[in-house]
Amino acid sequence: MIIFDCDGVLVDSEIISNTIDAELMREAGYAITAADLIRGYIGRPKAEIWAAIAAERGVAWPDGLLAKADALLLERIETDLRAVDAVAAALSAVTEPMAVASSSALPKLRRSLSVCGLIDFFEPHIFSASQVARGKPAPDVFLFAASQCGVDPSTCLVIEDSVAGVHAARAAGMAVMGFTGGLHTYPGHGEKLRSAGVVDVIVHMNDLSAKIAAARGHAR
C-alpha cells in the first residue's frame, strides 16, 4: 500500500495555512514568517504547533486566535486551494492500493481532498491524527492507517514532505519517500528529508510512478 500525507503532498495547502498563521502570530506580537513555520514546524498537528510556539515565546496566544486561524483556512480552502501540480494523473497511474494519513483534522482533510477532486482516489482509506492518541512525529496515524486497511506496516511506502512525517513513518516501520514539489518547498528541503531517512526524494509528481517502482524494486 502507498500511504500519502495530504498537506503539501496532495494539496498545496501548506503555503496558505502557514501564511495565515504567521500573519495572526505577528498581529499577536510574535515576529515569525510563513517560511519560519514551514521550515520548523510543518507535519505536526496544528494545535500542537501553536502550543509549542506559545511555550517558546513564553506567552499564551489571545483567546480564540487559533480558532480564527482555523476558520480563515477553511474559507481559503474553498476559494484558493489547488491540487499539487500533476497529482491527479500521477495517482491514476499508481497500481497499488492507496491511503491518506494526515495531521489535519478529519473534516478539513476530507474537504481539502474533495475541493481538489482527489477524494475518490482514496475513499474510504482517509485517516487523520485526530483519530489517534498522538500526532506526527509519533507513528500512530500511520499504524492506524495500516491496521484499518488490513496491511502489514512493513509493506507500506509513505510519501511525505515533512521531517516530522518522515520520522513518524519510520517509527511505524514503513519505508518513506520525500516530496519537494509543493509550493512551500524551500532551499535544502530535500536534504532535510534525506537526513531524516527517506529512501529517495520526488521533486515532481510526474516522477511518482517511476520512483515507486524503483523503491519497490530495491525492496525486493
Protein backbone atom coordinates (compact mmCIF):
# COMPACT_ATOMS: atom_id res chain seq x y z
CA MET A 1 0.00 0.00 0.00
CA ILE A 2 1.09 3.57 -0.74
CA ILE A 3 0.21 5.99 2.07
CA PHE A 4 0.23 9.70 1.27
CA ASP A 5 0.44 12.67 3.55
CA CYS A 6 -2.07 15.26 2.35
CA ASP A 7 -0.98 18.85 3.02
CA GLY A 8 1.91 19.74 0.77
CA VAL A 9 1.87 16.35 -0.97
CA LEU A 10 -1.60 16.04 -2.48
CA VAL A 11 -2.92 19.58 -2.00
CA ASP A 12 -0.97 22.84 -1.89
CA SER A 13 -2.33 23.93 1.48
CA GLU A 14 0.89 24.46 3.45
CA ILE A 15 1.65 27.82 1.87
CA ILE A 16 -1.90 29.02 2.57
CA SER A 17 -2.09 27.71 6.13
CA ASN A 18 1.32 28.96 7.22
CA THR A 19 0.78 32.40 5.70
CA ILE A 20 -2.43 32.77 7.70
CA ASP A 21 -0.81 31.51 10.90
CA ALA A 22 2.22 33.77 10.59
CA GLU A 23 0.07 36.84 9.96
CA LEU A 24 -2.04 36.18 13.05
CA MET A 25 1.00 35.41 15.20
CA ARG A 26 2.63 38.68 14.14
CA GLU A 27 -0.57 40.56 14.96
CA ALA A 28 -0.34 38.97 18.42
CA GLY A 29 3.18 40.36 18.84
CA TYR A 30 5.37 37.43 17.81
CA ALA A 31 7.81 38.03 14.95
CA ILE A 32 7.59 34.98 12.70
CA THR A 33 7.19 34.35 8.98
CA ALA A 34 5.44 31.68 6.96
CA ALA A 35 8.90 30.47 5.89
CA ASP A 36 9.90 30.06 9.56
CA LEU A 37 6.81 27.96 10.22
CA ILE A 38 7.35 25.83 7.13
CA ARG A 39 11.00 25.13 7.88
CA GLY A 40 10.49 24.41 11.56
CA TYR A 41 7.06 23.02 12.18
CA ILE A 42 5.15 21.51 9.26
CA GLY A 43 3.91 17.96 9.55
CA ARG A 44 2.66 18.18 13.12
CA PRO A 45 -0.97 18.77 14.15
CA LYS A 46 -1.74 22.48 14.03
CA ALA A 47 -2.81 22.81 17.67
CA GLU A 48 0.48 21.24 18.76
CA ILE A 49 2.45 23.69 16.60
CA TRP A 50 0.67 26.67 18.11
CA ALA A 51 1.16 25.30 21.63
CA ALA A 52 4.87 24.69 21.02
CA ILE A 53 5.40 28.25 19.75
CA ALA A 54 3.45 29.70 22.68
CA ALA A 55 5.72 27.77 25.04
CA GLU A 56 8.81 29.04 23.22
CA ARG A 57 7.68 32.67 23.39
CA GLY A 58 6.55 32.30 26.99
CA VAL A 59 3.19 33.97 26.40
CA ALA A 60 -0.17 32.36 25.70
CA TRP A 61 -1.99 33.26 22.50
CA PRO A 62 -5.03 35.52 22.80
CA ASP A 63 -8.23 33.58 23.32
CA GLY A 64 -9.78 32.46 20.06
CA LEU A 65 -6.74 33.14 17.87
CA LEU A 66 -6.21 29.52 16.84
CA ALA A 67 -9.91 29.16 16.12
CA LYS A 68 -9.69 32.27 13.94
CA ALA A 69 -6.77 30.73 12.05
CA ASP A 70 -8.77 27.55 11.50
CA ALA A 71 -11.80 29.50 10.27
CA LEU A 72 -9.73 31.58 7.86
CA LEU A 73 -8.09 28.44 6.50
CA LEU A 74 -11.45 26.79 5.88
CA GLU A 75 -12.52 29.89 3.95
CA ARG A 76 -9.35 29.84 1.86
CA ILE A 77 -9.73 26.13 1.14
CA GLU A 78 -12.99 26.93 -0.63
CA THR A 79 -11.54 29.77 -2.72
CA ASP A 80 -7.79 29.25 -3.14
CA LEU A 81 -6.81 25.63 -2.56
CA ARG A 82 -5.45 23.70 -5.53
CA ALA A 83 -4.16 20.18 -6.00
CA VAL A 84 -0.41 19.74 -6.25
CA ASP A 85 0.68 20.02 -9.86
CA ALA A 86 0.04 16.83 -11.89
CA VAL A 87 -1.04 14.83 -8.83
CA ALA A 88 -4.31 13.51 -10.31
CA ALA A 89 -2.53 11.99 -13.29
CA ALA A 90 0.17 10.60 -11.02
CA LEU A 91 -2.39 8.95 -8.73
CA SER A 92 -4.21 7.48 -11.73
CA ALA A 93 -1.02 5.64 -12.66
CA VAL A 94 -0.46 4.06 -9.23
CA THR A 95 -1.30 0.35 -9.32
CA GLU A 96 -1.17 -0.37 -5.58
CA PRO A 97 -3.92 0.40 -3.05
CA MET A 98 -3.64 3.92 -1.66
CA ALA A 99 -4.49 5.68 1.61
CA VAL A 100 -4.08 9.11 3.19
CA ALA A 101 -2.66 9.64 6.70
CA SER A 102 -2.63 13.31 7.67
CA SER A 103 -2.10 15.56 10.67
CA SER A 104 -5.15 17.59 9.62
CA ALA A 105 -8.45 17.18 11.43
CA LEU A 106 -10.69 14.77 9.55
CA PRO A 107 -13.36 17.26 8.35
CA LYS A 108 -10.73 19.65 6.99
CA LEU A 109 -8.80 16.75 5.44
CA ARG A 110 -11.83 15.38 3.64
CA ARG A 111 -12.91 18.84 2.49
CA SER A 112 -9.45 19.59 1.08
CA LEU A 113 -9.42 16.35 -0.90
CA SER A 114 -12.95 16.98 -2.15
CA VAL A 115 -12.29 20.57 -3.25
CA CYS A 116 -9.24 19.39 -5.19
CA GLY A 117 -11.08 16.46 -6.81
CA LEU A 118 -8.90 13.82 -5.19
CA ILE A 119 -11.10 12.14 -2.59
CA ASP A 120 -12.26 9.32 -4.86
CA PHE A 121 -8.69 8.09 -5.26
CA PHE A 122 -8.60 7.21 -1.53
CA GLU A 123 -12.12 6.66 -0.24
CA PRO A 124 -12.64 5.14 2.32
CA HIS A 125 -8.97 4.97 3.33
CA ILE A 126 -8.64 8.52 4.68
CA PHE A 127 -7.14 8.82 8.17
CA SER A 128 -6.37 11.69 10.50
CA ALA A 129 -4.18 12.21 13.53
CA SER A 130 -7.37 13.33 15.26
CA GLN A 131 -8.37 9.64 15.29
CA VAL A 132 -5.33 8.54 17.32
CA ALA A 133 -3.62 9.43 20.58
CA ARG A 134 -0.55 11.17 19.19
CA GLY A 135 0.19 13.15 16.06
CA LYS A 136 3.31 13.04 13.92
CA PRO A 137 6.24 12.57 14.60
CA ALA A 138 4.69 9.71 16.59
CA PRO A 139 3.81 6.75 14.34
CA ASP A 140 0.19 6.43 15.49
CA VAL A 141 -1.64 7.68 12.40
CA PHE A 142 0.42 5.52 10.04
CA LEU A 143 -0.05 2.43 12.19
CA PHE A 144 -3.77 3.20 12.39
CA ALA A 145 -3.98 3.50 8.60
CA ALA A 146 -2.24 0.16 8.11
CA SER A 147 -4.45 -1.52 10.69
CA GLN A 148 -7.66 -0.15 9.19
CA CYS A 149 -6.57 -1.23 5.72
CA GLY A 150 -5.52 -4.68 6.90
CA VAL A 151 -1.92 -4.41 5.72
CA ASP A 152 1.43 -5.05 7.39
CA PRO A 153 3.20 -1.74 8.14
CA SER A 154 6.44 -3.16 6.76
CA THR A 155 4.85 -3.45 3.31
CA CYS A 156 3.75 0.20 3.19
CA LEU A 157 5.51 3.02 1.34
CA VAL A 158 4.81 6.54 2.60
CA ILE A 159 5.06 9.80 0.64
CA GLU A 160 5.87 12.74 2.95
CA ASP A 161 7.02 16.34 2.67
CA SER A 162 7.95 16.98 6.33
CA VAL A 163 10.65 15.79 8.68
CA ALA A 164 8.01 15.09 11.33
CA GLY A 165 6.15 12.91 8.86
CA VAL A 166 9.29 11.05 7.85
CA HIS A 167 10.10 10.31 11.49
CA ALA A 168 6.53 9.10 12.04
CA ALA A 169 6.63 6.76 9.04
CA ARG A 170 10.00 5.33 10.00
CA ALA A 171 8.86 4.81 13.59
CA ALA A 172 5.91 2.86 12.16
CA GLY A 173 8.36 0.55 10.38
CA MET A 174 7.47 1.90 6.94
CA ALA A 175 9.71 2.95 4.07
CA VAL A 176 9.24 6.61 3.18
CA MET A 177 10.00 8.84 0.20
CA GLY A 178 10.24 12.60 0.42
CA PHE A 179 8.31 15.03 -1.75
CA THR A 180 9.53 18.55 -2.54
CA GLY A 181 7.13 19.55 -5.32
CA GLY A 182 4.70 21.66 -3.27
CA LEU A 183 4.54 25.44 -3.44
CA HIS A 184 6.01 25.61 0.07
CA THR A 185 9.27 23.87 -0.79
CA TYR A 186 12.44 25.71 0.20
CA PRO A 187 16.22 25.52 -0.39
CA GLY A 188 17.58 22.49 1.42
CA HIS A 189 14.16 20.83 1.73
CA GLY A 190 15.27 17.63 0.01
CA GLU A 191 18.45 17.45 2.05
CA LYS A 192 16.48 17.74 5.30
CA LEU A 193 14.22 14.89 4.22
CA ARG A 194 17.21 12.75 3.25
CA SER A 195 18.81 13.39 6.62
CA ALA A 196 15.57 12.30 8.27
CA GLY A 197 15.78 8.94 6.50
CA VAL A 198 13.85 8.92 3.22
CA VAL A 199 14.88 6.36 0.63
CA ASP A 200 14.51 8.89 -2.20
CA VAL A 201 13.08 12.33 -2.98
CA ILE A 202 10.37 13.08 -5.54
CA VAL A 203 10.68 16.59 -6.96
CA HIS A 204 7.58 16.48 -9.18
CA MET A 205 4.52 14.26 -9.28
CA ASN A 206 5.38 13.29 -12.85
CA ASP A 207 8.10 11.13 -11.28
CA LEU A 208 5.85 9.35 -8.78
CA SER A 209 5.29 6.06 -10.62
CA ALA A 210 8.94 5.65 -11.55
CA LYS A 211 10.10 6.43 -8.01
CA ILE A 212 7.61 3.95 -6.52
CA ALA A 213 8.73 1.27 -8.95
CA ALA A 214 12.37 1.92 -8.09
CA ALA A 215 11.68 1.80 -4.36
CA ARG A 216 9.71 -1.42 -4.66
CA GLY A 217 12.38 -2.97 -6.84
CA HIS A 218 15.03 -2.02 -4.34
CA ALA A 219 12.95 -3.53 -1.52
CA ARG A 220 12.72 -6.83 -3.39
